Amino acid sequence: MNSADLNLLRTFLAVYRSGSFTAAAGLLGLSQSTVTAQIRSLERGMDRGALFERLPRGVAPTPVAHDLASRVAAPLDALAAATGQETATTGRAAPVHLAGPAELLSARVLPALAPLSAAGVRLRITPGLTEPLLDELRAGRHDLVIATYRPRGRTLTAVPLMDEEFVLVAAPVWADRVRERLALDGPSALHPVPLITYAEDLPIARRYWRHVFNARLTCPAAVTVPDLRAVKSAVTAGAGFSVLPRYLCEPELASGALVALHTPEDPPLNTGYLVQRPGRPADPDVIRVRDVLLDAGRGW
């Protein structure tokens, strides 16, 4: 095999792993047209049909591509490592890029990954909202994303990671005033209490109202801050009430700094997913991070 053939295979592996011609071009320092031409040249040389199926966002590997990747990924990675030419196509020298909600990353994910970091696994963590993070994952900017919902389409694969339970909470100063009335009168008892939330459209609180009270939430937010940790701090200080994930406020509930205003038999749950691009060959560090998170998620 000559160097031209190797370049075609390296380009193929970059597209296969990144899920996008555009992302592969950026990783390789080539133009998108060059990447496209190289893939077409490889397809003609193999004469086994198309390697990738174009999707609205990115590309999906065909069975031919999966078979080729299973045969060439390990030798190419080994060659790159042996010659000191690790690149973005190998994934071995690069850190594992993981993204997800800032609060979950801080409270659960980073503590779970601490042993891997101590063992030499390099991590690059990006906090953010699910939708833009999934777009960046499709473009090849991340290896793994923790999403608050299952992504649609075939460009990404997702497995359940954890269920987060939502809790209606306030500081004792408010709980003493309204908890008994809440049990008697329902959610209208909370109308005089300021609502603290992380978004103007009140997604978590609205979901709690629909699921638990079978009612529409009508009170507007008194304080909006786009960080659930800050929402928790404000509520703990007595600013009002909110609905928070239990994992985030469990210590405050245990200490009495926060009080659960309501304990429904069927609390609302939201499933978080661990998401990556499909068909990626075995990158040892990505696999280690994924496996640690999935194992930890069973206890979350």
Protein backbone atom coordinates (compact mmCIF):
# COMPACT_ATOMS: atom_id res chain seq x y z
CA MET A 1 0.00 0.00 0.00
CA ASN A 2 1.45 3.41 -0.98
CA SER A 3 1.23 6.72 0.87
CA ALA A 4 -1.69 7.87 -1.29
CA ASP A 5 -3.70 4.83 -0.22
CA LEU A 6 -2.85 5.52 3.43
CA ASN A 7 -4.02 9.12 3.08
CA LEU A 8 -7.34 7.96 1.68
CA LEU A 9 -7.80 5.57 4.60
CA ARG A 10 -6.84 8.27 7.13
CA THR A 11 -9.40 10.58 5.58
CA PHE A 12 -12.00 7.81 5.64
CA LEU A 13 -11.30 7.17 9.33
CA ALA A 14 -11.60 10.87 10.16
CA VAL A 15 -15.01 11.05 8.46
CA TYR A 16 -16.10 7.78 10.08
CA ARG A 17 -15.14 8.95 13.55
CA SER A 18 -16.35 12.53 13.28
CA GLY A 19 -19.62 11.77 11.47
CA SER A 20 -19.19 14.67 9.07
CA PHE A 21 -17.18 15.61 5.99
CA THR A 22 -16.95 19.15 7.33
CA ALA A 23 -15.70 18.07 10.75
CA ALA A 24 -13.17 15.69 9.18
CA ALA A 25 -11.86 18.47 6.96
CA GLY A 26 -11.28 20.64 10.01
CA LEU A 27 -9.52 17.84 11.87
CA LEU A 28 -7.25 17.04 8.92
CA GLY A 29 -6.55 20.59 7.80
CA LEU A 30 -8.06 19.92 4.37
CA SER A 31 -10.84 21.52 2.39
CA GLN A 32 -14.21 19.82 2.39
CA SER A 33 -13.97 19.32 -1.36
CA THR A 34 -10.66 17.47 -0.91
CA VAL A 35 -12.19 15.21 1.73
CA THR A 36 -15.15 14.51 -0.56
CA ALA A 37 -12.85 13.74 -3.49
CA GLN A 38 -10.72 11.38 -1.41
CA ILE A 39 -13.74 9.47 -0.16
CA ARG A 40 -15.06 9.15 -3.71
CA SER A 41 -11.64 7.92 -4.86
CA LEU A 42 -11.60 5.31 -2.10
CA GLU A 43 -15.11 4.16 -3.03
CA ARG A 44 -14.10 3.77 -6.68
CA GLY A 45 -11.00 1.82 -5.72
CA MET A 46 -12.91 -0.55 -3.45
CA ASP A 47 -15.84 -0.92 -5.85
CA ARG A 48 -18.16 -1.99 -3.04
CA GLY A 49 -20.59 0.92 -3.09
CA ALA A 50 -20.99 4.02 -0.98
CA LEU A 51 -19.17 4.35 2.34
CA PHE A 52 -21.44 7.01 3.79
CA GLU A 53 -25.08 7.99 3.56
CA ARG A 54 -25.70 11.73 3.61
CA LEU A 55 -28.11 12.93 6.30
CA PRO A 56 -29.59 16.37 7.03
CA ARG A 57 -26.72 16.80 9.48
CA GLY A 58 -23.54 14.91 8.75
CA VAL A 59 -23.24 11.41 7.37
CA ALA A 60 -23.97 7.88 8.56
CA PRO A 61 -21.61 4.97 7.84
CA THR A 62 -22.92 2.22 5.59
CA PRO A 63 -22.25 -1.48 6.35
CA VAL A 64 -19.31 -1.25 3.95
CA ALA A 65 -17.84 1.57 6.04
CA HIS A 66 -18.32 -0.33 9.29
CA ASP A 67 -16.52 -3.32 7.82
CA LEU A 68 -13.64 -1.20 6.51
CA ALA A 69 -13.25 0.66 9.81
CA SER A 70 -13.12 -2.60 11.75
CA ARG A 71 -10.19 -3.70 9.57
CA VAL A 72 -8.13 -0.51 9.26
CA ALA A 73 -8.68 1.48 12.48
CA ALA A 74 -6.34 -0.48 14.74
CA PRO A 75 -3.46 -0.71 12.19
CA LEU A 76 -3.69 3.00 11.37
CA ASP A 77 -3.77 3.93 15.05
CA ALA A 78 -0.78 1.69 15.74
CA LEU A 79 1.13 3.14 12.77
CA ALA A 80 0.45 6.69 13.93
CA ALA A 81 1.55 5.86 17.47
CA ALA A 82 4.71 4.08 16.29
CA THR A 83 5.78 6.98 14.08
CA GLY A 84 4.86 9.68 16.58
CA GLN A 85 2.25 11.09 14.21
CA GLU A 86 -0.87 10.84 16.34
CA THR A 87 -3.53 13.00 14.81
CA ALA A 88 -7.18 13.75 15.28
CA THR A 89 -7.94 10.60 13.25
CA THR A 90 -6.39 8.29 15.83
CA GLY A 91 -8.01 9.70 18.95
CA ARG A 92 -5.24 8.17 21.10
CA ALA A 93 -3.18 11.27 21.85
CA ALA A 94 -6.18 13.59 22.14
CA PRO A 95 -8.15 14.23 25.32
CA VAL A 96 -11.66 12.87 25.73
CA HIS A 97 -14.10 15.69 25.04
CA LEU A 98 -17.18 15.39 27.26
CA ALA A 99 -20.06 17.86 27.46
CA GLY A 100 -23.30 18.17 29.39
CA PRO A 101 -25.32 20.22 31.89
CA ALA A 102 -23.04 22.27 34.14
CA GLU A 103 -24.81 21.21 37.33
CA LEU A 104 -24.64 17.49 36.60
CA LEU A 105 -21.03 17.75 35.49
CA SER A 106 -20.09 19.45 38.76
CA ALA A 107 -22.17 17.38 41.17
CA ARG A 108 -21.90 13.90 39.72
CA VAL A 109 -19.77 13.49 36.60
CA LEU A 110 -16.43 15.03 37.58
CA PRO A 111 -16.30 13.22 40.95
CA ALA A 112 -17.03 9.93 39.16
CA LEU A 113 -14.25 10.54 36.63
CA ALA A 114 -11.64 11.62 39.18
CA PRO A 115 -9.95 8.17 39.27
CA LEU A 116 -9.55 8.21 35.48
CA SER A 117 -7.99 11.64 35.59
CA ALA A 118 -5.60 10.45 38.29
CA ALA A 119 -4.75 7.46 36.07
CA GLY A 120 -3.72 9.71 33.19
CA VAL A 121 -6.87 10.03 31.09
CA ARG A 122 -7.00 13.56 29.70
CA LEU A 123 -10.42 15.23 29.84
CA ARG A 124 -11.83 18.38 28.27
CA ILE A 125 -15.19 19.29 29.80
CA THR A 126 -17.71 21.62 28.17
CA PRO A 127 -20.88 22.73 30.02
CA GLY A 128 -23.93 23.78 28.07
CA LEU A 129 -27.49 23.16 26.96
CA THR A 130 -28.39 19.91 25.25
CA GLU A 131 -29.44 21.14 21.80
CA PRO A 132 -26.28 23.10 20.91
CA LEU A 133 -24.08 20.42 22.48
CA LEU A 134 -25.67 17.75 20.27
CA ASP A 135 -25.06 19.92 17.21
CA GLU A 136 -21.41 20.21 18.23
CA LEU A 137 -21.24 16.44 18.77
CA ARG A 138 -22.50 15.88 15.21
CA ALA A 139 -19.80 18.25 13.97
CA GLY A 140 -17.08 16.31 15.78
CA ARG A 141 -16.30 18.74 18.61
CA HIS A 142 -17.14 16.26 21.39
CA ASP A 143 -16.71 12.53 21.95
CA LEU A 144 -19.56 12.15 24.44
CA VAL A 145 -22.48 14.35 25.46
CA ILE A 146 -24.80 13.94 28.43
CA ALA A 147 -28.20 15.01 27.09
CA THR A 148 -31.41 15.82 28.94
CA TYR A 149 -33.44 14.12 26.19
CA ARG A 150 -32.93 11.37 23.62
CA PRO A 151 -31.79 12.86 20.30
CA ARG A 152 -33.78 12.09 17.17
CA GLY A 153 -32.45 10.70 13.94
CA ARG A 154 -29.68 8.29 13.08
CA THR A 155 -26.65 10.55 13.31
CA LEU A 156 -26.27 9.89 17.05
CA THR A 157 -26.68 6.93 19.38
CA ALA A 158 -27.93 7.31 22.96
CA VAL A 159 -28.17 5.05 25.99
CA PRO A 160 -29.99 5.91 29.23
CA LEU A 161 -27.61 7.20 31.87
CA MET A 162 -29.71 8.21 34.87
CA ASP A 163 -33.16 9.27 36.04
CA GLU A 164 -33.33 12.57 37.89
CA GLU A 165 -36.25 13.14 40.25
CA PHE A 166 -37.67 16.64 40.60
CA VAL A 167 -38.46 18.02 44.05
CA LEU A 168 -40.56 21.05 45.06
CA VAL A 169 -38.42 22.88 47.62
CA ALA A 170 -38.16 26.02 49.73
CA ALA A 171 -36.22 27.23 52.75
CA PRO A 172 -37.75 26.50 56.19
CA VAL A 173 -38.93 30.12 56.51
CA TRP A 174 -41.30 29.58 53.57
CA ALA A 175 -42.04 25.92 54.23
CA ASP A 176 -43.41 26.74 57.69
CA ARG A 177 -45.88 29.17 56.10
CA VAL A 178 -47.17 27.23 53.11
CA ARG A 179 -46.61 23.49 53.45
CA GLU A 180 -49.80 22.84 55.42
CA ARG A 181 -51.85 25.10 53.13
CA LEU A 182 -50.35 23.35 50.10
CA ALA A 183 -51.65 20.02 51.37
CA LEU A 184 -55.13 21.50 51.87
CA ASP A 185 -55.53 23.98 49.01
CA GLY A 186 -53.20 22.63 46.37
CA PRO A 187 -50.71 24.66 44.30
CA SER A 188 -52.65 27.93 44.71
CA ALA A 189 -51.10 28.10 48.19
CA LEU A 190 -47.78 28.93 46.51
CA HIS A 191 -49.02 31.98 44.62
CA PRO A 192 -47.76 34.46 47.25
CA VAL A 193 -44.29 32.85 47.26
CA PRO A 194 -41.68 34.06 44.73
CA LEU A 195 -40.77 31.46 42.11
CA ILE A 196 -37.05 31.07 41.39
CA THR A 197 -36.16 29.38 38.10
CA TYR A 198 -33.36 28.99 35.56
CA ALA A 199 -35.39 29.89 32.44
CA GLU A 200 -38.28 32.22 31.65
CA ASP A 201 -40.39 29.40 30.20
CA LEU A 202 -40.19 27.51 33.54
CA PRO A 203 -39.59 24.05 31.99
CA ILE A 204 -38.94 22.06 35.18
CA ALA A 205 -41.62 23.77 37.24
CA ARG A 206 -44.22 23.47 34.45
CA ARG A 207 -43.48 19.79 34.14
CA TYR A 208 -43.89 19.32 37.90
CA TRP A 209 -47.26 21.13 37.86
CA ARG A 210 -48.57 19.00 34.97
CA HIS A 211 -47.35 15.72 36.38
CA VAL A 212 -48.14 16.19 40.08
CA PHE A 213 -50.96 18.72 40.23
CA ASN A 214 -52.49 18.05 36.79
CA ALA A 215 -52.66 21.82 36.42
CA ARG A 216 -51.08 24.61 34.44
CA LEU A 217 -48.46 26.73 36.18
CA THR A 218 -49.63 30.33 35.98
CA CYS A 219 -47.32 32.32 38.27
CA PRO A 220 -44.37 34.07 36.58
CA ALA A 221 -40.78 33.78 37.74
CA ALA A 222 -39.62 36.29 40.33
CA VAL A 223 -35.93 35.49 39.77
CA THR A 224 -34.43 33.84 36.69
CA VAL A 225 -30.81 32.70 36.68
CA PRO A 226 -29.48 30.21 34.07
CA ASP A 227 -27.73 27.92 36.55
CA LEU A 228 -29.54 25.48 38.82
CA ARG A 229 -26.79 25.79 41.41
CA ALA A 230 -27.52 29.49 41.65
CA VAL A 231 -31.25 28.75 41.84
CA LYS A 232 -30.55 26.42 44.75
CA SER A 233 -28.46 29.07 46.49
CA ALA A 234 -31.21 31.67 46.13
CA VAL A 235 -33.90 29.30 47.41
CA THR A 236 -31.73 28.18 50.33
CA ALA A 237 -31.24 31.84 51.27
CA GLY A 238 -35.02 32.30 51.45
CA ALA A 239 -35.70 34.01 48.12
CA GLY A 240 -38.68 31.76 47.32
CA PHE A 241 -39.46 28.28 46.04
CA SER A 242 -38.34 26.21 43.07
CA VAL A 243 -38.32 22.73 41.57
CA LEU A 244 -34.86 21.15 41.54
CA PRO A 245 -33.31 17.79 40.68
CA ARG A 246 -32.98 15.76 43.85
CA TYR A 247 -29.32 14.94 43.20
CA LEU A 248 -28.52 18.64 43.32
CA CYS A 249 -30.30 19.47 46.57
CA GLU A 250 -29.96 16.19 48.49
CA PRO A 251 -27.38 17.59 50.96
CA GLU A 252 -29.56 20.60 51.75
CA LEU A 253 -32.63 18.41 52.20
CA ALA A 254 -30.67 16.16 54.56
CA SER A 255 -29.39 19.09 56.62
CA GLY A 256 -32.74 20.92 56.74
CA ALA A 257 -31.45 23.93 54.81
CA LEU A 258 -34.16 23.09 52.24
CA VAL A 259 -37.53 21.45 52.81
CA ALA A 260 -39.51 19.33 50.36
CA LEU A 261 -42.90 21.07 50.20
CA HIS A 262 -44.62 18.08 48.64
CA THR A 263 -43.89 14.34 48.47
CA PRO A 264 -46.00 12.85 45.66
CA GLU A 265 -46.26 9.08 45.33
CA ASP A 266 -45.27 9.40 41.69
CA PRO A 267 -42.69 12.19 41.43
CA PRO A 268 -41.78 13.48 37.97
CA LEU A 269 -38.61 11.98 36.51
CA ASN A 270 -36.40 12.98 33.61
CA THR A 271 -34.04 10.53 31.92
CA GLY A 272 -30.58 11.70 30.95
CA TYR A 273 -28.75 10.02 28.06
CA LEU A 274 -25.12 9.41 27.20
CA VAL A 275 -24.79 10.23 23.51
CA GLN A 276 -22.08 9.68 20.90
CA ARG A 277 -21.76 9.37 17.15
CA PRO A 278 -22.52 5.87 15.84
CA GLY A 279 -19.99 3.43 14.51
CA ARG A 280 -16.91 4.89 16.20
CA PRO A 281 -14.05 2.38 16.51
CA ALA A 282 -12.69 1.53 19.93
CA ASP A 283 -10.92 4.54 21.42
CA PRO A 284 -9.67 3.21 24.75
CA ASP A 285 -10.02 6.42 26.73
CA VAL A 286 -13.47 7.25 25.36
CA ILE A 287 -14.58 3.73 26.19
CA ARG A 288 -13.18 4.05 29.71
CA VAL A 289 -15.00 7.32 30.30
CA ARG A 290 -18.23 5.93 28.87
CA ASP A 291 -18.06 2.77 30.95
CA VAL A 292 -17.29 4.63 34.18
CA LEU A 293 -20.23 6.98 33.61
CA LEU A 294 -22.65 4.18 32.78
CA ASP A 295 -21.55 2.26 35.86
CA ALA A 296 -21.84 5.34 38.07
CA GLY A 297 -25.20 6.22 36.54
CA ARG A 298 -26.71 3.00 37.86
CA GLY A 299 -26.13 4.34 41.36
CA TRP A 300 -27.32 7.87 40.65
